[in-house]
């Protein structure tokens, strides 16, 4: 089965990649090498820098207004992992997480929180989309090679989304 690229937030696909200064490297090659040092199997295509999600990796996508609060809460709990800001007509935040439990085929959650999982790819900085550059809200760390459990991210996101609504 071919893999699919998931821009995570919009129907518009990334078109080019242009490295920002100081965001995990100065060139695409340096950025890719740094991602690979984390153990990530990234590829570079015409769509940008892509990370394939595997059987133990998932992503949760939500609007920026929820995502910023989720990241703040995850930091307070010392569980913050890599978090992307995906520009679009509505900016979205994407939380990389470890799939530590079986995920139902149709997970029940608030409509504002979406799961992205294998065989999808997610775009990483410095990918450029038609709406702007993908960037890190919380960059991965060379000293912490782990992802938070998706259940923790989901629990915090559900609480914040239900309180916001």
C-alpha atoms as a PDB file:
ATOM      1  CA  UNK A   1       0.000   0.000   0.000  1.00  0.00           C
ATOM      2  CA  UNK A   2       1.504   3.367  -0.958  1.00  0.00           C
ATOM      3  CA  UNK A   3       2.025   5.859   1.801  1.00  0.00           C
ATOM      4  CA  UNK A   4       0.181   9.125   1.853  1.00  0.00           C
ATOM      5  CA  UNK A   5       1.456  12.541   2.776  1.00  0.00           C
ATOM      6  CA  UNK A   6      -0.591  14.195   5.474  1.00  0.00           C
ATOM      7  CA  UNK A   7      -0.100  17.931   5.705  1.00  0.00           C
ATOM      8  CA  UNK A   8      -2.153  17.457   8.841  1.00  0.00           C
ATOM      9  CA  UNK A   9      -4.325  20.473   8.474  1.00  0.00           C
ATOM     10  CA  UNK A  10      -5.241  21.571   5.023  1.00  0.00           C
ATOM     11  CA  UNK A  11      -6.094  20.211   1.640  1.00  0.00           C
ATOM     12  CA  UNK A  12      -3.269  22.271   0.185  1.00  0.00           C
ATOM     13  CA  UNK A  13      -0.064  20.310  -0.223  1.00  0.00           C
ATOM     14  CA  UNK A  14       3.375  21.728   0.570  1.00  0.00           C
ATOM     15  CA  UNK A  15       5.078  22.873  -2.580  1.00  0.00           C
ATOM     16  CA  UNK A  16       8.695  23.699  -1.827  1.00  0.00           C
ATOM     17  CA  UNK A  17      11.103  23.626   1.037  1.00  0.00           C
ATOM     18  CA  UNK A  18      13.269  26.524   2.048  1.00  0.00           C
ATOM     19  CA  UNK A  19      15.427  26.189   5.162  1.00  0.00           C
ATOM     20  CA  UNK A  20      15.020  28.806   7.848  1.00  0.00           C
ATOM     21  CA  UNK A  21      18.090  30.004   9.683  1.00  0.00           C
ATOM     22  CA  UNK A  22      18.463  28.444  13.122  1.00  0.00           C
ATOM     23  CA  UNK A  23      15.671  25.856  12.870  1.00  0.00           C
ATOM     24  CA  UNK A  24      17.433  22.514  13.364  1.00  0.00           C
ATOM     25  CA  UNK A  25      20.030  23.435  10.755  1.00  0.00           C
ATOM     26  CA  UNK A  26      20.894  25.933   8.048  1.00  0.00           C
ATOM     27  CA  UNK A  27      20.450  23.693   5.012  1.00  0.00           C
ATOM     28  CA  UNK A  28      17.954  20.970   4.161  1.00  0.00           C
ATOM     29  CA  UNK A  29      20.805  18.453   4.270  1.00  0.00           C
ATOM     30  CA  UNK A  30      21.817  19.572   7.763  1.00  0.00           C
ATOM     31  CA  UNK A  31      18.212  19.490   8.969  1.00  0.00           C
ATOM     32  CA  UNK A  32      17.687  15.994   7.557  1.00  0.00           C
ATOM     33  CA  UNK A  33      20.946  14.779   9.148  1.00  0.00           C
ATOM     34  CA  UNK A  34      19.806  16.168  12.515  1.00  0.00           C
ATOM     35  CA  UNK A  35      16.402  14.480  12.218  1.00  0.00           C
ATOM     36  CA  UNK A  36      18.132  11.212  11.377  1.00  0.00           C
ATOM     37  CA  UNK A  37      20.320  11.597  14.477  1.00  0.00           C
ATOM     38  CA  UNK A  38      17.049  11.429  16.406  1.00  0.00           C
ATOM     39  CA  UNK A  39      16.314   8.111  14.717  1.00  0.00           C
ATOM     40  CA  UNK A  40      13.689   9.580  12.394  1.00  0.00           C
ATOM     41  CA  UNK A  41      13.530   8.091   8.886  1.00  0.00           C
ATOM     42  CA  UNK A  42      12.849  11.322   7.060  1.00  0.00           C
ATOM     43  CA  UNK A  43      12.809  11.778   3.311  1.00  0.00           C
ATOM     44  CA  UNK A  44      12.988  14.853   1.138  1.00  0.00           C
ATOM     45  CA  UNK A  45      10.586  15.079  -1.797  1.00  0.00           C
ATOM     46  CA  UNK A  46       9.001  17.791  -3.874  1.00  0.00           C
ATOM     47  CA  UNK A  47       6.456  18.071  -1.059  1.00  0.00           C
ATOM     48  CA  UNK A  48       9.114  18.880   1.542  1.00  0.00           C
ATOM     49  CA  UNK A  49      10.750  17.039   4.431  1.00  0.00           C
ATOM     50  CA  UNK A  50       8.531  14.088   5.343  1.00  0.00           C
ATOM     51  CA  UNK A  51       8.393  11.847   8.401  1.00  0.00           C
ATOM     52  CA  UNK A  52       6.520   8.578   7.908  1.00  0.00           C
ATOM     53  CA  UNK A  53       4.400   7.572  10.859  1.00  0.00           C
ATOM     54  CA  UNK A  54       4.992   4.004  11.931  1.00  0.00           C
ATOM     55  CA  UNK A  55       3.147   1.419  13.984  1.00  0.00           C
ATOM     56  CA  UNK A  56       4.161   3.039  17.296  1.00  0.00           C
ATOM     57  CA  UNK A  57       4.002   6.685  16.259  1.00  0.00           C
ATOM     58  CA  UNK A  58       0.882   8.778  15.812  1.00  0.00           C
ATOM     59  CA  UNK A  59       0.044  12.444  15.676  1.00  0.00           C
ATOM     60  CA  UNK A  60      -2.804  14.466  17.084  1.00  0.00           C
ATOM     61  CA  UNK A  61      -3.854  17.573  15.170  1.00  0.00           C
ATOM     62  CA  UNK A  62      -5.897  20.425  16.598  1.00  0.00           C
ATOM     63  CA  UNK A  63      -6.580  24.133  16.038  1.00  0.00           C
ATOM     64  CA  UNK A  64      -3.925  26.540  17.317  1.00  0.00           C
ATOM     65  CA  UNK A  65      -6.209  27.921  20.053  1.00  0.00           C
ATOM     66  CA  UNK A  66      -6.398  24.454  21.611  1.00  0.00           C
ATOM     67  CA  UNK A  67      -2.857  23.382  20.681  1.00  0.00           C
ATOM     68  CA  UNK A  68      -1.117  26.263  22.436  1.00  0.00           C
ATOM     69  CA  UNK A  69      -2.958  25.499  25.671  1.00  0.00           C
ATOM     70  CA  UNK A  70      -2.266  21.760  25.311  1.00  0.00           C
ATOM     71  CA  UNK A  71       1.450  22.418  24.861  1.00  0.00           C
ATOM     72  CA  UNK A  72       1.515  24.681  27.939  1.00  0.00           C
ATOM     73  CA  UNK A  73      -0.177  21.978  30.011  1.00  0.00           C
ATOM     74  CA  UNK A  74       2.097  19.240  28.646  1.00  0.00           C
ATOM     75  CA  UNK A  75       5.130  21.384  29.556  1.00  0.00           C
ATOM     76  CA  UNK A  76       3.759  21.882  33.079  1.00  0.00           C
ATOM     77  CA  UNK A  77       3.494  18.082  33.393  1.00  0.00           C
ATOM     78  CA  UNK A  78       6.994  17.628  31.906  1.00  0.00           C
ATOM     79  CA  UNK A  79       5.464  15.617  29.043  1.00  0.00           C
ATOM     80  CA  UNK A  80       5.922  18.043  26.155  1.00  0.00           C
ATOM     81  CA  UNK A  81       7.160  16.367  23.003  1.00  0.00           C
ATOM     82  CA  UNK A  82       7.766  17.540  19.452  1.00  0.00           C
ATOM     83  CA  UNK A  83       4.964  19.852  18.376  1.00  0.00           C
ATOM     84  CA  UNK A  84       4.554  21.380  14.927  1.00  0.00           C
ATOM     85  CA  UNK A  85       2.738  24.482  13.777  1.00  0.00           C
ATOM     86  CA  UNK A  86       1.156  23.845  10.381  1.00  0.00           C
ATOM     87  CA  UNK A  87       0.086  27.060   8.617  1.00  0.00           C
ATOM     88  CA  UNK A  88      -3.156  27.132   6.688  1.00  0.00           C
ATOM     89  CA  UNK A  89      -6.435  29.000   6.427  1.00  0.00           C
ATOM     90  CA  UNK A  90      -6.776  27.814  10.037  1.00  0.00           C
ATOM     91  CA  UNK A  91      -3.420  27.271  11.719  1.00  0.00           C
ATOM     92  CA  UNK A  92      -3.163  23.835  13.312  1.00  0.00           C
ATOM     93  CA  UNK A  93      -0.797  22.291  15.805  1.00  0.00           C
ATOM     94  CA  UNK A  94       0.407  18.710  15.420  1.00  0.00           C
ATOM     95  CA  UNK A  95       1.643  16.727  18.423  1.00  0.00           C
ATOM     96  CA  UNK A  96       3.866  13.716  17.731  1.00  0.00           C
ATOM     97  CA  UNK A  97       3.075  10.963  20.206  1.00  0.00           C
ATOM     98  CA  UNK A  98       3.856   7.353  20.984  1.00  0.00           C
ATOM     99  CA  UNK A  99       1.076   4.886  20.405  1.00  0.00           C
ATOM    100  CA  UNK A 100       1.237   3.052  23.743  1.00  0.00           C
ATOM    101  CA  UNK A 101      -2.165   1.396  23.502  1.00  0.00           C
ATOM    102  CA  UNK A 102      -4.267   0.037  20.703  1.00  0.00           C
ATOM    103  CA  UNK A 103      -5.976   2.806  18.832  1.00  0.00           C
ATOM    104  CA  UNK A 104      -9.518   1.984  17.733  1.00  0.00           C
ATOM    105  CA  UNK A 105     -10.188   2.065  13.993  1.00  0.00           C
ATOM    106  CA  UNK A 106     -12.525   5.035  14.541  1.00  0.00           C
ATOM    107  CA  UNK A 107     -11.315   6.788  17.716  1.00  0.00           C
ATOM    108  CA  UNK A 108     -14.012   8.830  19.417  1.00  0.00           C
ATOM    109  CA  UNK A 109     -12.920  12.310  20.261  1.00  0.00           C
ATOM    110  CA  UNK A 110     -14.017  15.873  19.770  1.00  0.00           C
ATOM    111  CA  UNK A 111     -14.318  16.876  16.130  1.00  0.00           C
ATOM    112  CA  UNK A 112     -11.557  19.456  16.578  1.00  0.00           C
ATOM    113  CA  UNK A 113      -8.963  16.805  17.473  1.00  0.00           C
ATOM    114  CA  UNK A 114      -7.844  14.463  14.699  1.00  0.00           C
ATOM    115  CA  UNK A 115      -5.535  11.478  14.613  1.00  0.00           C
ATOM    116  CA  UNK A 116      -2.942  10.946  11.919  1.00  0.00           C
ATOM    117  CA  UNK A 117      -1.289   7.544  11.765  1.00  0.00           C
ATOM    118  CA  UNK A 118       0.533   5.117   9.535  1.00  0.00           C
ATOM    119  CA  UNK A 119       0.745   4.971   6.524  1.00  0.00           C
ATOM    120  CA  UNK A 120       0.621   8.777   6.450  1.00  0.00           C
ATOM    121  CA  UNK A 121       3.624  11.074   6.370  1.00  0.00           C
ATOM    122  CA  UNK A 122       3.759  14.379   8.163  1.00  0.00           C
ATOM    123  CA  UNK A 123       5.635  17.433   6.971  1.00  0.00           C
ATOM    124  CA  UNK A 124       8.520  18.757   9.050  1.00  0.00           C
ATOM    125  CA  UNK A 125      10.351  22.067   9.073  1.00  0.00           C
ATOM    126  CA  UNK A 126      11.672  23.588   6.910  1.00  0.00           C
ATOM    127  CA  UNK A 127       8.832  22.581   4.567  1.00  0.00           C
ATOM    128  CA  UNK A 128       7.064  25.524   2.973  1.00  0.00           C
ATOM    129  CA  UNK A 129       3.323  25.294   2.337  1.00  0.00           C
ATOM    130  CA  UNK A 130       1.188  27.676   0.272  1.00  0.00           C
ATOM    131  CA  UNK A 131       0.314  29.341   3.605  1.00  0.00           C
ATOM    132  CA  UNK A 132       3.807  29.638   5.053  1.00  0.00           C
ATOM    133  CA  UNK A 133       6.600  27.622   6.594  1.00  0.00           C
ATOM    134  CA  UNK A 134       5.980  24.643   8.859  1.00  0.00           C
ATOM    135  CA  UNK A 135       7.727  25.376  12.162  1.00  0.00           C
ATOM    136  CA  UNK A 136       8.285  23.931  15.606  1.00  0.00           C
ATOM    137  CA  UNK A 137       6.235  25.087  18.583  1.00  0.00           C
ATOM    138  CA  UNK A 138       8.327  22.620  20.614  1.00  0.00           C
ATOM    139  CA  UNK A 139      11.315  21.209  18.731  1.00  0.00           C
ATOM    140  CA  UNK A 140      12.572  17.678  19.310  1.00  0.00           C
ATOM    141  CA  UNK A 141      15.486  17.365  21.681  1.00  0.00           C
ATOM    142  CA  UNK A 142      18.749  15.514  21.173  1.00  0.00           C
ATOM    143  CA  UNK A 143      18.781  14.822  24.917  1.00  0.00           C
ATOM    144  CA  UNK A 144      15.244  13.372  24.985  1.00  0.00           C
ATOM    145  CA  UNK A 145      14.554  10.885  22.210  1.00  0.00           C
ATOM    146  CA  UNK A 146      11.080   9.943  23.385  1.00  0.00           C
ATOM    147  CA  UNK A 147       7.574  10.970  22.472  1.00  0.00           C
ATOM    148  CA  UNK A 148       4.789  11.503  24.996  1.00  0.00           C
ATOM    149  CA  UNK A 149       2.083   8.835  25.148  1.00  0.00           C
ATOM    150  CA  UNK A 150      -0.802   9.716  22.853  1.00  0.00           C
ATOM    151  CA  UNK A 151      -3.206   9.022  25.726  1.00  0.00           C
ATOM    152  CA  UNK A 152      -1.659  11.891  27.734  1.00  0.00           C
ATOM    153  CA  UNK A 153      -1.850  14.323  24.807  1.00  0.00           C
ATOM    154  CA  UNK A 154      -5.418  13.236  24.061  1.00  0.00           C
ATOM    155  CA  UNK A 155      -6.559  13.574  27.678  1.00  0.00           C
ATOM    156  CA  UNK A 156      -5.160  17.096  27.960  1.00  0.00           C
ATOM    157  CA  UNK A 157      -6.573  18.078  24.546  1.00  0.00           C
ATOM    158  CA  UNK A 158     -10.053  16.755  25.396  1.00  0.00           C
ATOM    159  CA  UNK A 159     -10.084  18.646  28.687  1.00  0.00           C
ATOM    160  CA  UNK A 160      -8.969  21.914  27.131  1.00  0.00           C
ATOM    161  CA  UNK A 161     -11.266  21.601  24.097  1.00  0.00           C
ATOM    162  CA  UNK A 162     -14.317  20.804  26.221  1.00  0.00           C
ATOM    163  CA  UNK A 163     -13.568  23.720  28.585  1.00  0.00           C
ATOM    164  CA  UNK A 164     -13.055  26.079  25.630  1.00  0.00           C
ATOM    165  CA  UNK A 165     -16.348  25.118  23.993  1.00  0.00           C
END
